């Protein structure tokens, strides 16, 4: 199965059975949750590294008289950082919930012919 795209990760985890319920996960749902857990963890790492790099760049440019950042650019970077932080938080929650459901939801019996 191919890794999910950003759009596919930004789904509602409620589309899958609850870990508190008795409804089992189908084999397809298990594979999908595994893929979501792996991709959300990877994307979170990428976002966190990028946020760190942006922070370093802002700090470094503040001390550079030849290449400073004006107030409007700082404001825009602040809003970007806020949005990226929220996205990173969402991905972290998604990863945790996918792993939790994989560990605690019953699995559907596979039918053998």
N, C-alpha and C. Protein backbone atom coordinates (compact mmCIF):
# COMPACT_ATOMS: atom_id res chain seq x y z
N UNK A 1 0.85 -1.17 0.00
CA UNK A 1 0.00 0.00 0.00
C UNK A 1 0.90 1.24 0.00
N UNK A 2 0.57 2.20 -0.83
CA UNK A 2 1.34 3.44 -0.93
C UNK A 2 1.09 4.31 0.29
N UNK A 3 2.07 5.14 0.64
CA UNK A 3 1.90 6.06 1.76
C UNK A 3 0.79 7.05 1.45
N UNK A 4 -0.01 7.40 2.46
CA UNK A 4 -1.08 8.36 2.24
C UNK A 4 -0.52 9.75 1.96
N UNK A 5 -1.28 10.53 1.24
CA UNK A 5 -0.93 11.93 1.00
C UNK A 5 -1.39 12.75 2.19
N UNK A 6 -1.00 14.05 2.21
CA UNK A 6 -1.46 14.93 3.28
C UNK A 6 -2.98 14.92 3.39
N UNK A 7 -3.66 15.04 2.26
CA UNK A 7 -5.12 15.10 2.27
C UNK A 7 -5.72 13.85 2.87
N UNK A 8 -5.14 12.71 2.59
CA UNK A 8 -5.66 11.46 3.13
C UNK A 8 -5.42 11.33 4.63
N UNK A 9 -4.36 11.96 5.13
CA UNK A 9 -4.10 11.91 6.56
C UNK A 9 -5.05 12.81 7.34
N UNK A 10 -5.51 13.87 6.72
CA UNK A 10 -6.36 14.83 7.41
C UNK A 10 -7.82 14.37 7.37
N UNK A 11 -8.03 13.17 7.83
CA UNK A 11 -9.35 12.58 7.88
C UNK A 11 -9.80 12.48 9.32
N UNK A 12 -10.99 12.06 9.49
CA UNK A 12 -11.47 11.84 10.84
C UNK A 12 -11.18 10.41 11.25
N UNK A 13 -10.49 10.25 12.35
CA UNK A 13 -10.19 8.92 12.85
C UNK A 13 -11.48 8.21 13.25
N UNK A 14 -12.55 8.98 13.41
CA UNK A 14 -13.84 8.40 13.75
C UNK A 14 -14.44 7.59 12.61
N UNK A 15 -13.80 7.62 11.43
CA UNK A 15 -14.25 6.77 10.32
C UNK A 15 -13.93 5.31 10.59
N UNK A 16 -13.10 5.05 11.61
CA UNK A 16 -12.73 3.69 11.98
C UNK A 16 -13.44 3.31 13.26
N UNK A 17 -13.65 2.01 13.49
CA UNK A 17 -14.31 1.59 14.74
C UNK A 17 -13.56 2.07 15.97
N UNK A 18 -14.31 2.36 17.02
CA UNK A 18 -13.73 2.82 18.27
C UNK A 18 -13.05 1.66 18.99
N UNK A 19 -11.99 1.99 19.73
CA UNK A 19 -11.32 0.97 20.54
C UNK A 19 -12.21 0.53 21.69
N UNK A 20 -13.22 1.33 22.03
CA UNK A 20 -14.13 1.00 23.12
C UNK A 20 -15.29 0.11 22.68
N UNK A 21 -15.52 0.04 21.38
CA UNK A 21 -16.64 -0.73 20.87
C UNK A 21 -16.26 -2.17 20.57
N UNK A 22 -17.24 -2.91 20.13
CA UNK A 22 -17.04 -4.32 19.82
C UNK A 22 -16.86 -4.57 18.33
N UNK A 23 -17.06 -3.54 17.51
CA UNK A 23 -16.96 -3.71 16.07
C UNK A 23 -15.51 -4.00 15.68
N UNK A 24 -15.27 -5.10 14.99
CA UNK A 24 -13.89 -5.45 14.64
C UNK A 24 -13.38 -4.63 13.45
N UNK A 25 -12.07 -4.51 13.38
CA UNK A 25 -11.42 -3.88 12.23
C UNK A 25 -11.31 -4.90 11.11
N UNK A 26 -11.62 -4.48 9.91
CA UNK A 26 -11.41 -5.35 8.75
C UNK A 26 -9.92 -5.37 8.43
N UNK A 27 -9.50 -6.33 7.63
CA UNK A 27 -8.09 -6.40 7.22
C UNK A 27 -7.68 -5.11 6.51
N UNK A 28 -8.58 -4.57 5.70
CA UNK A 28 -8.30 -3.31 4.99
C UNK A 28 -8.14 -2.16 5.97
N UNK A 29 -8.99 -2.09 7.01
CA UNK A 29 -8.88 -1.03 8.01
C UNK A 29 -7.58 -1.15 8.81
N UNK A 30 -7.18 -2.37 9.11
CA UNK A 30 -5.92 -2.58 9.83
C UNK A 30 -4.76 -2.04 9.00
N UNK A 31 -4.72 -2.39 7.72
CA UNK A 31 -3.64 -1.90 6.85
C UNK A 31 -3.68 -0.39 6.72
N UNK A 32 -4.87 0.17 6.63
CA UNK A 32 -5.02 1.62 6.49
C UNK A 32 -4.53 2.33 7.77
N UNK A 33 -4.91 1.80 8.94
CA UNK A 33 -4.46 2.39 10.19
C UNK A 33 -2.94 2.29 10.35
N UNK A 34 -2.36 1.17 9.93
CA UNK A 34 -0.89 1.03 9.98
C UNK A 34 -0.24 2.08 9.09
N UNK A 35 -0.79 2.26 7.91
CA UNK A 35 -0.26 3.24 6.97
C UNK A 35 -0.39 4.66 7.53
N UNK A 36 -1.53 4.96 8.14
CA UNK A 36 -1.76 6.28 8.74
C UNK A 36 -0.78 6.52 9.89
N UNK A 37 -0.59 5.52 10.74
CA UNK A 37 0.33 5.66 11.87
C UNK A 37 1.76 5.92 11.38
N UNK A 38 2.20 5.18 10.38
CA UNK A 38 3.55 5.35 9.85
C UNK A 38 3.72 6.71 9.18
N UNK A 39 2.78 7.08 8.32
CA UNK A 39 2.90 8.34 7.58
C UNK A 39 2.78 9.54 8.50
N UNK A 40 1.86 9.50 9.47
CA UNK A 40 1.70 10.65 10.36
C UNK A 40 2.94 10.84 11.22
N UNK A 41 3.58 9.76 11.61
CA UNK A 41 4.83 9.86 12.37
C UNK A 41 5.93 10.48 11.50
N UNK A 42 6.04 10.03 10.24
CA UNK A 42 7.06 10.57 9.34
C UNK A 42 6.82 12.05 9.04
N UNK A 43 5.57 12.40 8.72
CA UNK A 43 5.26 13.80 8.42
C UNK A 43 5.49 14.69 9.64
N UNK A 44 5.20 14.19 10.83
CA UNK A 44 5.45 14.98 12.05
C UNK A 44 6.93 15.28 12.19
N UNK A 45 7.77 14.31 11.92
CA UNK A 45 9.21 14.52 11.99
C UNK A 45 9.68 15.57 11.00
N UNK A 46 9.16 15.50 9.79
CA UNK A 46 9.51 16.48 8.76
C UNK A 46 9.06 17.88 9.18
N UNK A 47 7.83 18.00 9.67
CA UNK A 47 7.33 19.30 10.11
C UNK A 47 8.15 19.86 11.26
N UNK A 48 8.46 19.03 12.23
CA UNK A 48 9.22 19.51 13.38
C UNK A 48 10.62 19.97 12.97
N UNK A 49 11.26 19.27 12.06
CA UNK A 49 12.57 19.70 11.56
C UNK A 49 12.45 21.02 10.82
N UNK A 50 11.41 21.15 10.01
CA UNK A 50 11.19 22.40 9.26
C UNK A 50 10.91 23.57 10.17
N UNK A 51 10.11 23.36 11.19
CA UNK A 51 9.81 24.42 12.14
C UNK A 51 11.08 24.86 12.85
N UNK A 52 11.91 23.91 13.22
CA UNK A 52 13.18 24.22 13.86
C UNK A 52 14.08 25.04 12.93
N UNK A 53 14.13 24.66 11.66
CA UNK A 53 14.94 25.40 10.69
C UNK A 53 14.42 26.83 10.49
N UNK A 54 13.12 26.99 10.47
CA UNK A 54 12.53 28.33 10.34
C UNK A 54 12.91 29.18 11.55
N UNK A 55 12.80 28.58 12.73
CA UNK A 55 13.18 29.31 13.95
C UNK A 55 14.63 29.75 13.92
N UNK A 56 15.51 28.86 13.49
CA UNK A 56 16.93 29.20 13.40
C UNK A 56 17.13 30.34 12.40
N UNK A 57 16.45 30.26 11.26
CA UNK A 57 16.58 31.30 10.23
C UNK A 57 16.12 32.66 10.73
N UNK A 58 15.02 32.68 11.46
CA UNK A 58 14.51 33.94 12.01
C UNK A 58 15.52 34.53 13.00
N UNK A 59 16.01 33.68 13.89
CA UNK A 59 16.97 34.14 14.90
C UNK A 59 18.26 34.64 14.24
N UNK A 60 18.74 33.93 13.24
CA UNK A 60 19.98 34.33 12.56
C UNK A 60 19.80 35.63 11.80
N UNK A 61 18.65 35.83 11.19
CA UNK A 61 18.44 37.04 10.39
C UNK A 61 18.24 38.26 11.29
N UNK A 62 17.81 38.05 12.51
CA UNK A 62 17.61 39.18 13.42
C UNK A 62 18.92 39.89 13.72
N UNK A 63 20.02 39.15 13.71
CA UNK A 63 21.34 39.73 14.00
C UNK A 63 22.06 40.21 12.74
N UNK A 64 21.46 40.04 11.59
CA UNK A 64 22.10 40.39 10.33
C UNK A 64 21.56 41.74 9.87
N UNK A 65 22.40 42.78 9.96
CA UNK A 65 21.96 44.13 9.59
C UNK A 65 21.71 44.28 8.09
N UNK A 66 22.40 43.49 7.28
CA UNK A 66 22.24 43.58 5.83
C UNK A 66 21.00 42.84 5.33
N UNK A 67 20.57 41.86 6.08
CA UNK A 67 19.44 41.03 5.64
C UNK A 67 18.50 40.79 6.82
N UNK A 68 17.85 41.83 7.24
CA UNK A 68 16.91 41.70 8.34
C UNK A 68 15.52 41.33 7.84
N UNK A 69 14.65 41.07 8.75
CA UNK A 69 13.27 40.74 8.41
C UNK A 69 12.40 41.87 8.94
N UNK A 70 11.50 42.38 8.08
CA UNK A 70 10.64 43.46 8.54
C UNK A 70 9.46 42.90 9.34
N UNK A 71 8.73 43.78 10.00
CA UNK A 71 7.66 43.38 10.91
C UNK A 71 6.58 42.55 10.21
N UNK A 72 6.24 42.89 8.97
CA UNK A 72 5.21 42.15 8.23
C UNK A 72 5.66 40.72 7.97
N UNK A 73 6.93 40.55 7.60
CA UNK A 73 7.45 39.20 7.36
C UNK A 73 7.48 38.39 8.64
N UNK A 74 7.85 39.02 9.74
CA UNK A 74 7.86 38.33 11.03
C UNK A 74 6.44 37.90 11.40
N UNK A 75 5.47 38.78 11.18
CA UNK A 75 4.07 38.46 11.46
C UNK A 75 3.62 37.27 10.61
N UNK A 76 3.94 37.29 9.32
CA UNK A 76 3.57 36.18 8.45
C UNK A 76 4.23 34.87 8.88
N UNK A 77 5.50 34.94 9.26
CA UNK A 77 6.18 33.75 9.75
C UNK A 77 5.57 33.25 11.06
N UNK A 78 5.13 34.16 11.88
CA UNK A 78 4.45 33.77 13.12
C UNK A 78 3.17 33.00 12.85
N UNK A 79 2.38 33.49 11.90
CA UNK A 79 1.13 32.79 11.54
C UNK A 79 1.43 31.44 10.91
N UNK A 80 2.50 31.38 10.11
CA UNK A 80 2.90 30.11 9.52
C UNK A 80 3.30 29.12 10.61
N UNK A 81 4.10 29.60 11.56
CA UNK A 81 4.53 28.73 12.66
C UNK A 81 3.33 28.22 13.46
N UNK A 82 2.36 29.09 13.69
CA UNK A 82 1.17 28.67 14.42
C UNK A 82 0.43 27.58 13.65
N UNK A 83 0.25 27.78 12.35
CA UNK A 83 -0.46 26.79 11.53
C UNK A 83 0.31 25.47 11.47
N UNK A 84 1.63 25.56 11.32
CA UNK A 84 2.43 24.34 11.28
C UNK A 84 2.42 23.62 12.63
N UNK A 85 2.40 24.37 13.70
CA UNK A 85 2.31 23.76 15.03
C UNK A 85 1.00 23.02 15.21
N UNK A 86 -0.09 23.63 14.76
CA UNK A 86 -1.40 22.97 14.86
C UNK A 86 -1.44 21.71 14.00
N UNK A 87 -0.87 21.79 12.80
CA UNK A 87 -0.82 20.62 11.92
C UNK A 87 0.01 19.51 12.54
N UNK A 88 1.15 19.87 13.09
CA UNK A 88 2.02 18.89 13.75
C UNK A 88 1.30 18.23 14.92
N UNK A 89 0.58 19.03 15.70
CA UNK A 89 -0.19 18.50 16.83
C UNK A 89 -1.27 17.52 16.33
N UNK A 90 -1.97 17.90 15.27
CA UNK A 90 -3.00 17.04 14.70
C UNK A 90 -2.40 15.71 14.24
N UNK A 91 -1.26 15.77 13.57
CA UNK A 91 -0.61 14.54 13.10
C UNK A 91 -0.19 13.66 14.27
N UNK A 92 0.29 14.27 15.33
CA UNK A 92 0.67 13.52 16.52
C UNK A 92 -0.54 12.83 17.14
N UNK A 93 -1.65 13.55 17.25
CA UNK A 93 -2.88 12.95 17.77
C UNK A 93 -3.37 11.82 16.87
N UNK A 94 -3.30 12.04 15.56
CA UNK A 94 -3.74 11.02 14.60
C UNK A 94 -2.90 9.76 14.72
N UNK A 95 -1.59 9.94 14.86
CA UNK A 95 -0.69 8.80 15.03
C UNK A 95 -1.06 8.02 16.30
N UNK A 96 -1.22 8.74 17.40
CA UNK A 96 -1.55 8.08 18.67
C UNK A 96 -2.86 7.33 18.61
N UNK A 97 -3.86 7.93 18.01
CA UNK A 97 -5.17 7.28 17.93
C UNK A 97 -5.14 6.07 17.00
N UNK A 98 -4.41 6.17 15.89
CA UNK A 98 -4.30 5.03 14.98
C UNK A 98 -3.61 3.86 15.67
N UNK A 99 -2.53 4.14 16.37
CA UNK A 99 -1.81 3.08 17.09
C UNK A 99 -2.69 2.48 18.19
N UNK A 100 -3.42 3.34 18.91
CA UNK A 100 -4.31 2.86 19.97
C UNK A 100 -5.37 1.91 19.41
N UNK A 101 -5.98 2.30 18.30
CA UNK A 101 -7.02 1.45 17.71
C UNK A 101 -6.43 0.15 17.19
N UNK A 102 -5.23 0.21 16.63
CA UNK A 102 -4.59 -1.03 16.17
C UNK A 102 -4.32 -1.97 17.34
N UNK A 103 -3.98 -1.42 18.48
CA UNK A 103 -3.66 -2.25 19.64
C UNK A 103 -4.88 -2.77 20.37
N UNK A 104 -6.00 -2.03 20.33
CA UNK A 104 -7.12 -2.36 21.19
C UNK A 104 -8.41 -2.78 20.49
N UNK A 105 -8.52 -2.56 19.20
CA UNK A 105 -9.74 -2.99 18.49
C UNK A 105 -9.62 -4.46 18.12
N UNK A 106 -10.74 -5.18 18.24
CA UNK A 106 -10.71 -6.57 17.77
C UNK A 106 -10.52 -6.61 16.26
N UNK A 107 -10.02 -7.71 15.77
CA UNK A 107 -9.81 -7.89 14.33
C UNK A 107 -10.90 -8.81 13.79
N UNK A 108 -11.36 -8.52 12.58
CA UNK A 108 -12.35 -9.36 11.94
C UNK A 108 -11.69 -10.70 11.58
N UNK A 109 -12.46 -11.74 11.70
CA UNK A 109 -11.96 -13.06 11.31
C UNK A 109 -11.87 -13.10 9.81
N UNK A 110 -10.77 -13.60 9.30
CA UNK A 110 -10.66 -13.73 7.84
C UNK A 110 -11.32 -15.04 7.44
N UNK A 111 -12.05 -14.98 6.35
CA UNK A 111 -12.74 -16.17 5.87
C UNK A 111 -11.84 -16.90 4.89
N UNK A 112 -11.69 -18.19 5.10
CA UNK A 112 -10.87 -19.01 4.23
C UNK A 112 -11.77 -19.92 3.42
N UNK A 113 -11.49 -20.00 2.16
CA UNK A 113 -12.33 -20.84 1.29
C UNK A 113 -11.58 -22.08 0.90
